[in-house]
Amino acid sequence: MRAVDIILKKRDGGTLTKEETTFLIFGYVGGVIPEYQVSAWLMTVFFKGMTQEETVFLTEAMLNSGTRVSLDGIPGPFVDKHSTGGVGDKTSLVIAPLLASIGIRVPMMSGRALGHTGGTLDKLESIPGYRTNLSLAEFQRGLAEEGFAMTGQSEDVAPADKLLYALRDVTATVESIPLITASILSKKAAEGADAVIFDVKYGSGAFMKEKSQASALAQSLVNVGTALGMKISTLLTDMDQPLGNMVGNFLEIEEVLDCLEGNGPADVMEVSLALAARACVLGDKASCVEEGLEVCKKALESGLPRQLFLSNVERQGGDVKRLLEMRKNYRSQYALDIKAEQSAYITHIDAYKVGLAGVYIGVGRNRVEDAVSPTAGVLLYKKSGDWTDAGESIMTVYAKDDGSLRGAIPLLKDAVSYGETKPDKKSLIG
């Protein structure tokens, strides 16, 4: 079997077998098949697509390229939550302790910010001392005792995904539904989840700009995940403007605490509860979404999710006392208010432009190795539908340094649209 024959077959619209797919992936991970041939194969997949069966073969090959996390001896159910990325999206950090308080264990293997989208690990590491590079034993203990644990992808879990993701990023083959599906599900299966609730976002700040694209990705995740023996549920949510009032690393940790105390922004609470309710059904803690919603609301009222979140912070090396002391005080000294240019309704705040500005000021990164700032971010005082008077503050911007602050201001100003008529309220749940 030769890689060139596999590339040629896919180039001409053929369907690859399980053996061909496994040969290609294992050969790449093992250093036998060079990057240039895998790059060519990625481009053929980008243009020719994959059948559902081919996508299953690819997911299995990526999953089997490394080790699987063993959760033997820990009682389930194990349900994870995954978002396809957005701006201000901190729902994972609300949902994990919430589900844990209900008796659902959440083995969460998260990622970092890249491009305009935020990263859960960067947010957690803005807490002094918090560690996300857990050993398997630490991951298992957290799951057993708090009911959830937060870690990054280890070197031996789905290593093919790490290699392929980096290659897709530099070969313009990222936006491929089969490749996205295999990337996500290979990691979720490897971490030990029995079921996954997917938040598939669409809009300017999302990976999928059109709702139809998000719907196609959601269906692919359901089809392939089910074929792998997992229970999958999806929810389409709008990411046309930032989620919540805070965009940043430590800023979003603050908003997570607000949510766990029942005082979070309405949009974050709505999306978090909608996803958590569906996770309750997946984990057999509710017979329907409506019942799951009531279960989740009662759990939040009990205060246990907040307690479990702080217990997790302590378990993973974070300083709980400092975290609470820093709340509302941990801000960059490089700050500037953006004020309304006219008296009018805010008709739109573009999530993509806010996220892109976040890269400038230090919230996100252009490359995996770039550093992020824990104190950088955007604090929004106005959202779509709000009235603002000319000269009134719309947002405060915190940056890693003065130069990045000045560079981001024009982009953030351009993100805000005004109108004389109050815009219709958009549904967050698609």
Protein backbone atom coordinates (compact mmCIF):
# COMPACT_ATOMS: atom_id res chain seq x y z
CA MET A 1 0.00 0.00 0.00
CA ARG A 2 1.32 3.45 -0.92
CA ALA A 3 0.28 6.90 0.30
CA VAL A 4 0.33 8.28 -3.25
CA ASP A 5 -2.29 5.73 -4.34
CA ILE A 6 -4.54 6.73 -1.44
CA ILE A 7 -4.19 10.41 -2.37
CA LEU A 8 -4.96 9.64 -6.01
CA LYS A 9 -8.02 7.58 -5.09
CA LYS A 10 -9.47 10.37 -2.95
CA ARG A 11 -8.52 13.02 -5.53
CA ASP A 12 -10.60 11.20 -8.11
CA GLY A 13 -13.61 11.00 -5.79
CA GLY A 14 -13.08 7.47 -4.51
CA THR A 15 -14.07 6.16 -1.08
CA LEU A 16 -11.23 5.08 1.18
CA THR A 17 -11.35 1.81 3.12
CA LYS A 18 -10.67 1.41 6.82
CA GLU A 19 -7.31 -0.18 6.01
CA GLU A 20 -6.25 2.68 3.73
CA THR A 21 -7.26 5.31 6.29
CA THR A 22 -5.48 3.54 9.13
CA PHE A 23 -2.35 3.08 7.00
CA LEU A 24 -2.23 6.80 6.23
CA ILE A 25 -2.83 8.02 9.80
CA PHE A 26 -0.55 5.53 11.52
CA GLY A 27 2.12 6.13 8.91
CA TYR A 28 2.00 9.88 9.53
CA VAL A 29 2.13 9.53 13.33
CA GLY A 30 4.97 7.03 13.01
CA GLY A 31 7.00 9.35 10.81
CA VAL A 32 6.87 7.04 7.78
CA ILE A 33 4.55 9.15 5.61
CA PRO A 34 5.82 12.73 5.13
CA GLU A 35 3.88 15.94 5.77
CA TYR A 36 3.71 16.87 2.10
CA GLN A 37 1.75 13.73 1.27
CA VAL A 38 -0.61 14.15 4.22
CA SER A 39 -1.08 17.81 3.19
CA ALA A 40 -2.08 16.65 -0.30
CA TRP A 41 -4.53 14.15 1.20
CA LEU A 42 -6.04 16.85 3.46
CA MET A 43 -6.66 19.06 0.43
CA THR A 44 -8.38 16.23 -1.44
CA VAL A 45 -10.64 15.65 1.58
CA PHE A 46 -11.34 19.39 1.77
CA PHE A 47 -12.60 19.44 -1.83
CA LYS A 48 -14.03 15.93 -2.22
CA GLY A 49 -15.42 15.41 1.27
CA MET A 50 -15.92 12.08 3.03
CA THR A 51 -18.77 9.67 3.44
CA GLN A 52 -20.04 9.02 6.95
CA GLU A 53 -18.31 5.63 6.93
CA GLU A 54 -15.01 7.22 5.88
CA THR A 55 -15.34 9.79 8.68
CA VAL A 56 -15.89 6.96 11.17
CA PHE A 57 -12.77 5.20 9.87
CA LEU A 58 -10.76 8.42 10.23
CA THR A 59 -12.06 9.08 13.76
CA GLU A 60 -11.23 5.52 14.85
CA ALA A 61 -7.73 5.74 13.36
CA MET A 62 -7.06 9.03 15.16
CA LEU A 63 -8.48 7.63 18.41
CA ASN A 64 -6.37 4.47 18.15
CA SER A 65 -3.19 6.43 17.37
CA GLY A 66 -2.73 6.91 21.12
CA THR A 67 -3.97 5.76 24.49
CA ARG A 68 -7.44 6.00 25.97
CA VAL A 69 -8.10 7.38 29.43
CA SER A 70 -9.27 4.59 31.75
CA LEU A 71 -12.08 5.52 34.14
CA ASP A 72 -12.49 1.99 35.50
CA GLY A 73 -13.60 1.94 39.12
CA ILE A 74 -15.24 5.38 38.97
CA PRO A 75 -19.04 5.21 38.78
CA GLY A 76 -20.61 7.06 35.84
CA PRO A 77 -22.39 8.39 33.95
CA PHE A 78 -19.64 10.30 32.11
CA VAL A 79 -20.98 13.19 30.03
CA ASP A 80 -18.80 15.87 28.48
CA LYS A 81 -19.71 19.20 26.91
CA HIS A 82 -17.94 20.70 23.91
CA SER A 83 -18.31 24.06 22.19
CA THR A 84 -17.15 24.74 18.65
CA GLY A 85 -15.70 28.05 19.83
CA GLY A 86 -16.74 31.64 20.28
CA VAL A 87 -16.15 34.97 21.99
CA GLY A 88 -16.98 35.28 25.68
CA ASP A 89 -18.08 31.65 25.79
CA LYS A 90 -17.41 30.48 29.33
CA THR A 91 -20.31 28.02 29.55
CA SER A 92 -18.07 24.94 30.02
CA LEU A 93 -16.91 26.32 33.37
CA VAL A 94 -20.50 26.80 34.50
CA ILE A 95 -21.79 23.48 33.19
CA ALA A 96 -19.05 21.16 34.53
CA PRO A 97 -19.62 21.85 38.27
CA LEU A 98 -23.37 22.13 37.70
CA LEU A 99 -23.57 18.64 36.21
CA ALA A 100 -21.21 17.28 38.86
CA SER A 101 -23.56 18.54 41.57
CA ILE A 102 -26.35 16.45 39.99
CA GLY A 103 -24.29 13.25 39.92
CA ILE A 104 -22.98 13.38 36.35
CA ARG A 105 -19.21 13.08 36.02
CA VAL A 106 -17.59 15.40 33.49
CA PRO A 107 -14.19 14.34 32.09
CA MET A 108 -13.28 17.61 30.38
CA MET A 109 -10.24 17.77 28.13
CA SER A 110 -10.13 21.38 26.95
CA GLY A 111 -8.13 23.57 24.59
CA ARG A 112 -6.47 26.96 24.40
CA ALA A 113 -7.36 30.15 22.60
CA LEU A 114 -6.37 30.26 18.95
CA GLY A 115 -7.26 33.06 16.59
CA HIS A 116 -10.28 35.08 17.68
CA THR A 117 -11.82 32.34 19.86
CA GLY A 118 -11.14 31.92 23.57
CA GLY A 119 -9.70 28.89 25.35
CA THR A 120 -10.92 27.24 28.55
CA LEU A 121 -7.39 26.34 29.71
CA ASP A 122 -6.21 29.96 29.42
CA LYS A 123 -9.15 31.13 31.49
CA LEU A 124 -8.46 28.59 34.22
CA GLU A 125 -4.73 29.37 34.28
CA SER A 126 -5.52 33.03 35.00
CA ILE A 127 -6.34 31.78 38.52
CA PRO A 128 -3.07 31.93 40.51
CA GLY A 129 -1.51 28.46 40.78
CA TYR A 130 -4.15 26.61 38.75
CA ARG A 131 -2.69 23.61 36.88
CA THR A 132 -4.18 22.12 33.72
CA ASN A 133 -1.44 19.57 32.95
CA LEU A 134 -2.90 16.80 35.10
CA SER A 135 -1.51 13.30 35.29
CA LEU A 136 -3.97 10.49 34.64
CA ALA A 137 -4.13 9.74 38.37
CA GLU A 138 -4.91 13.40 39.19
CA PHE A 139 -7.57 13.48 36.48
CA GLN A 140 -9.18 10.33 37.88
CA ARG A 141 -9.12 11.63 41.49
CA GLY A 142 -10.78 14.87 40.49
CA LEU A 143 -13.52 12.98 38.68
CA ALA A 144 -14.03 10.66 41.64
CA GLU A 145 -14.16 13.38 44.29
CA GLU A 146 -15.49 16.61 42.73
CA GLY A 147 -17.20 14.91 39.82
CA PHE A 148 -15.26 16.82 37.18
CA ALA A 149 -11.69 17.59 36.22
CA MET A 150 -10.17 20.07 33.76
CA THR A 151 -7.09 19.13 31.79
CA GLY A 152 -5.33 19.71 28.50
CA GLN A 153 -4.76 17.08 25.85
CA SER A 154 -1.78 14.94 26.82
CA GLU A 155 0.88 13.89 24.34
CA ASP A 156 -0.32 10.29 24.18
CA VAL A 157 -4.06 10.98 23.76
CA ALA A 158 -5.05 11.07 20.06
CA PRO A 159 -1.61 12.28 18.90
CA ALA A 160 -2.81 12.12 15.29
CA ASP A 161 -5.24 14.91 16.07
CA LYS A 162 -2.49 17.24 17.29
CA LEU A 163 -0.42 16.60 14.19
CA LEU A 164 -3.31 16.92 11.76
CA TYR A 165 -4.73 20.02 13.43
CA ALA A 166 -1.41 21.84 13.14
CA LEU A 167 -1.10 20.79 9.50
CA ARG A 168 -4.67 21.83 8.67
CA ASP A 169 -4.00 25.23 10.17
CA VAL A 170 -1.13 25.94 7.75
CA THR A 171 -2.63 24.29 4.66
CA ALA A 172 -6.00 26.12 4.61
CA THR A 173 -7.95 22.89 5.23
CA VAL A 174 -9.50 23.75 8.59
CA GLU A 175 -13.08 24.30 7.38
CA SER A 176 -13.90 20.69 6.54
CA ILE A 177 -16.82 19.05 8.34
CA PRO A 178 -15.40 15.48 8.19
CA LEU A 179 -12.01 16.67 9.49
CA ILE A 180 -13.62 18.76 12.24
CA THR A 181 -15.85 15.84 13.24
CA ALA A 182 -12.97 13.37 13.47
CA SER A 183 -10.82 15.85 15.39
CA ILE A 184 -13.45 16.51 18.05
CA LEU A 185 -14.81 12.99 18.48
CA SER A 186 -11.41 11.26 18.58
CA LYS A 187 -10.53 13.35 21.66
CA LYS A 188 -13.93 12.92 23.31
CA ALA A 189 -13.85 9.14 22.91
CA ALA A 190 -10.24 9.03 24.17
CA GLU A 191 -11.05 10.93 27.37
CA GLY A 192 -13.63 8.35 28.46
CA ALA A 193 -16.93 10.16 27.85
CA ASP A 194 -20.00 7.96 27.32
CA ALA A 195 -21.98 10.88 25.96
CA VAL A 196 -21.35 14.44 24.75
CA ILE A 197 -23.53 17.52 24.47
CA PHE A 198 -22.26 19.73 21.64
CA ASP A 199 -22.77 23.48 21.50
CA VAL A 200 -22.47 24.11 17.75
CA LYS A 201 -22.19 27.84 17.20
CA TYR A 202 -22.96 29.97 14.16
CA GLY A 203 -22.59 33.68 13.38
CA SER A 204 -19.78 36.20 12.95
CA GLY A 205 -17.84 35.07 16.02
CA ALA A 206 -18.26 31.36 15.34
CA PHE A 207 -16.25 28.94 13.28
CA MET A 208 -19.34 28.24 11.17
CA LYS A 209 -20.67 31.56 9.92
CA GLU A 210 -23.93 30.22 8.51
CA LYS A 211 -26.58 28.33 10.45
CA SER A 212 -26.80 25.76 7.64
CA GLN A 213 -23.09 24.97 8.07
CA ALA A 214 -23.54 24.56 11.83
CA SER A 215 -26.51 22.28 11.24
CA ALA A 216 -24.47 20.10 8.86
CA LEU A 217 -21.65 19.83 11.41
CA ALA A 218 -24.12 18.97 14.18
CA GLN A 219 -25.60 16.16 12.08
CA SER A 220 -22.13 14.82 11.27
CA LEU A 221 -21.24 14.77 14.98
CA VAL A 222 -24.43 12.89 15.80
CA ASN A 223 -23.99 10.35 13.00
CA VAL A 224 -20.32 9.58 13.63
CA GLY A 225 -20.57 9.71 17.43
CA THR A 226 -23.49 7.28 17.36
CA ALA A 227 -21.55 4.95 15.07
CA LEU A 228 -18.77 4.94 17.66
CA GLY A 229 -21.25 3.86 20.35
CA MET A 230 -21.56 7.25 22.07
CA LYS A 231 -24.72 9.13 22.99
CA ILE A 232 -24.68 12.52 21.27
CA SER A 233 -26.89 15.58 21.59
CA THR A 234 -26.38 18.91 19.83
CA LEU A 235 -27.65 22.44 20.26
CA LEU A 236 -27.21 25.25 17.73
CA THR A 237 -26.52 28.60 19.41
CA ASP A 238 -25.98 32.10 18.09
CA MET A 239 -22.50 33.67 18.29
CA ASP A 240 -23.14 36.85 16.34
CA GLN A 241 -22.26 38.98 19.35
CA PRO A 242 -20.14 38.17 22.42
CA LEU A 243 -21.70 35.88 25.00
CA GLY A 244 -22.02 37.60 28.36
CA ASN A 245 -20.63 40.96 29.46
CA MET A 246 -17.00 39.93 29.89
CA VAL A 247 -14.46 38.77 27.31
CA GLY A 248 -11.03 37.81 28.60
CA ASN A 249 -9.34 35.25 30.79
CA PHE A 250 -9.72 36.26 34.43
CA LEU A 251 -12.70 38.45 33.51
CA GLU A 252 -14.55 35.36 32.35
CA ILE A 253 -13.64 33.48 35.53
CA GLU A 254 -15.38 36.30 37.40
CA GLU A 255 -18.45 35.89 35.23
CA VAL A 256 -18.43 32.12 35.87
CA LEU A 257 -18.61 32.84 39.60
CA ASP A 258 -21.48 35.26 38.95
CA CYS A 259 -23.34 32.50 37.08
CA LEU A 260 -22.71 29.91 39.79
CA GLU A 261 -24.09 32.39 42.31
CA GLY A 262 -27.23 32.89 40.22
CA ASN A 263 -26.31 36.42 39.12
CA GLY A 264 -24.85 35.76 35.68
CA PRO A 265 -25.85 37.56 32.48
CA ALA A 266 -29.13 36.32 31.01
CA ASP A 267 -27.56 35.10 27.76
CA VAL A 268 -24.84 33.03 29.48
CA MET A 269 -27.39 31.54 31.87
CA GLU A 270 -29.79 30.68 29.04
CA VAL A 271 -27.20 28.84 26.96
CA SER A 272 -25.59 27.14 29.98
CA LEU A 273 -28.90 25.84 31.31
CA ALA A 274 -30.11 24.73 27.87
CA LEU A 275 -26.95 22.66 27.37
CA ALA A 276 -26.89 21.32 30.94
CA ALA A 277 -30.55 20.27 30.70
CA ARG A 278 -29.77 18.16 27.62
CA ALA A 279 -26.75 16.69 29.39
CA CYS A 280 -29.10 15.62 32.21
CA VAL A 281 -31.13 13.65 29.68
CA LEU A 282 -27.96 12.05 28.26
CA GLY A 283 -26.88 11.14 31.80
CA ASP A 284 -30.30 9.69 32.72
CA LYS A 285 -30.90 12.32 35.40
CA ALA A 286 -34.00 13.63 33.61
CA SER A 287 -36.52 12.11 31.21
CA CYS A 288 -36.84 15.25 29.06
CA VAL A 289 -35.20 18.65 28.55
CA GLU A 290 -37.90 20.46 30.53
CA GLU A 291 -37.30 18.23 33.55
CA GLY A 292 -33.55 18.63 33.12
CA LEU A 293 -33.95 22.40 33.19
CA GLU A 294 -35.75 22.25 36.54
CA VAL A 295 -33.13 19.88 37.95
CA CYS A 296 -30.35 22.29 36.93
CA LYS A 297 -32.09 25.37 38.34
CA LYS A 298 -32.58 23.66 41.70
CA ALA A 299 -28.94 22.57 41.73
CA LEU A 300 -27.77 26.15 41.17
CA GLU A 301 -30.02 27.40 43.95
CA SER A 302 -28.41 24.90 46.34
CA GLY A 303 -24.99 26.53 45.99
CA LEU A 304 -23.29 23.16 45.49
CA PRO A 305 -22.00 23.90 41.95
CA ARG A 306 -20.11 26.97 43.24
CA GLN A 307 -18.69 24.92 46.10
CA LEU A 308 -17.52 22.20 43.69
CA PHE A 309 -15.94 24.78 41.36
CA LEU A 310 -13.89 26.22 44.25
CA SER A 311 -12.98 22.69 45.39
CA ASN A 312 -11.71 21.97 41.89
CA VAL A 313 -9.66 25.18 41.94
CA GLU A 314 -8.00 24.07 45.16
CA ARG A 315 -7.47 20.48 43.94
CA GLN A 316 -5.74 21.68 40.77
CA GLY A 317 -3.36 23.97 42.65
CA GLY A 318 -5.30 27.23 42.54
CA ASP A 319 -5.40 29.70 45.41
CA VAL A 320 -9.09 30.06 46.30
CA LYS A 321 -8.51 32.88 48.79
CA ARG A 322 -6.57 34.94 46.26
CA LEU A 323 -9.11 34.19 43.55
CA LEU A 324 -11.91 35.65 45.65
CA GLU A 325 -9.78 38.62 46.73
CA MET A 326 -8.82 39.39 43.12
CA ARG A 327 -12.42 39.33 41.96
CA LYS A 328 -13.35 42.71 40.41
CA ASN A 329 -9.82 43.99 41.15
CA TYR A 330 -7.55 41.99 38.85
CA ARG A 331 -7.29 44.28 35.82
CA SER A 332 -4.55 45.49 33.51
CA GLN A 333 -3.31 49.01 34.16
CA TYR A 334 -3.54 49.69 30.41
CA ALA A 335 -7.22 50.55 30.11
CA LEU A 336 -9.46 52.79 28.05
CA ASP A 337 -13.20 53.38 27.76
CA ILE A 338 -14.91 53.33 24.38
CA LYS A 339 -17.77 55.82 24.37
CA ALA A 340 -20.90 56.02 22.22
CA GLU A 341 -20.49 58.14 19.12
CA GLN A 342 -24.18 59.13 19.10
CA SER A 343 -27.41 58.84 21.03
CA ALA A 344 -29.05 55.75 19.57
CA TYR A 345 -29.81 52.08 20.04
CA ILE A 346 -26.96 49.60 19.87
CA THR A 347 -28.05 47.42 16.97
CA HIS A 348 -25.07 45.06 16.90
CA ILE A 349 -21.71 44.34 18.52
CA ASP A 350 -19.76 42.14 16.15
CA ALA A 351 -18.35 39.12 17.98
CA TYR A 352 -15.65 38.45 15.41
CA LYS A 353 -14.25 41.98 15.61
CA VAL A 354 -14.28 41.88 19.41
CA GLY A 355 -12.51 38.51 19.32
CA LEU A 356 -9.96 39.77 16.83
CA ALA A 357 -9.29 42.81 19.02
CA GLY A 358 -8.81 40.34 21.87
CA VAL A 359 -5.85 38.85 20.01
CA TYR A 360 -4.23 42.29 19.84
CA ILE A 361 -4.72 43.08 23.53
CA GLY A 362 -3.55 39.66 24.78
CA VAL A 363 -6.73 37.64 25.38
CA GLY A 364 -6.06 35.29 22.48
CA ARG A 365 -3.19 34.17 20.30
CA ASN A 366 -2.24 33.81 16.65
CA ARG A 367 0.04 30.81 17.27
CA VAL A 368 -0.17 28.02 19.83
CA GLU A 369 3.14 29.12 21.41
CA ASP A 370 2.04 32.76 21.91
CA ALA A 371 1.55 33.92 25.51
CA VAL A 372 -1.78 35.35 26.71
CA SER A 373 -2.48 37.96 29.37
CA PRO A 374 -4.67 37.02 32.35
CA THR A 375 -5.70 40.64 32.92
CA ALA A 376 -6.52 41.66 29.35
CA GLY A 377 -10.11 41.76 28.18
CA VAL A 378 -13.23 43.71 27.31
CA LEU A 379 -15.93 44.63 29.81
CA LEU A 380 -19.20 45.37 27.99
CA TYR A 381 -21.75 47.76 29.47
CA LYS A 382 -24.09 47.71 26.49
CA LYS A 383 -25.37 44.94 24.22
CA SER A 384 -27.59 44.79 21.17
CA GLY A 385 -30.96 46.43 21.89
CA ASP A 386 -29.68 48.78 24.59
CA TRP A 387 -30.08 52.56 24.30
CA THR A 388 -26.96 54.66 24.74
CA ASP A 389 -26.46 58.40 25.03
CA ALA A 390 -23.65 60.07 23.11
CA GLY A 391 -20.48 59.98 25.21
CA GLU A 392 -21.72 57.14 27.43
CA SER A 393 -19.29 54.28 28.02
CA ILE A 394 -20.07 51.20 25.93
CA MET A 395 -17.10 49.14 27.05
CA THR A 396 -13.81 49.26 28.94
CA VAL A 397 -10.81 47.70 27.23
CA TYR A 398 -7.88 46.22 29.22
CA ALA A 399 -4.69 45.40 27.29
CA LYS A 400 -1.31 43.76 27.88
CA ASP A 401 0.46 47.03 27.04
CA ASP A 402 -0.23 50.53 25.76
CA GLY A 403 0.68 49.75 22.15
CA SER A 404 -1.75 46.85 21.84
CA LEU A 405 -4.45 48.94 23.51
CA ARG A 406 -4.12 51.71 20.93
CA GLY A 407 -4.02 49.19 18.10
CA ALA A 408 -7.25 47.48 19.17
CA ILE A 409 -9.40 50.58 19.73
CA PRO A 410 -10.30 51.23 16.04
CA LEU A 411 -11.38 47.60 15.62
CA LEU A 412 -13.57 47.70 18.73
CA LYS A 413 -15.16 50.99 17.69
CA ASP A 414 -15.91 49.47 14.31
CA ALA A 415 -17.54 46.47 16.01
CA VAL A 416 -20.39 48.67 17.32
CA SER A 417 -23.36 49.52 15.09
CA TYR A 418 -26.02 52.13 15.92
CA GLY A 419 -29.60 52.71 14.78
CA GLU A 420 -32.68 54.80 15.51
CA THR A 421 -34.89 51.75 15.88
CA LYS A 422 -34.51 49.12 18.56
CA PRO A 423 -33.53 45.83 16.87
CA ASP A 424 -35.69 42.74 17.24
CA LYS A 425 -34.39 40.37 19.90
CA LYS A 426 -32.65 37.40 18.31
CA SER A 427 -33.05 33.90 19.67
CA LEU A 428 -29.83 32.48 21.13
CA ILE A 429 -30.97 28.90 20.64
CA GLY A 430 -31.12 27.84 17.01
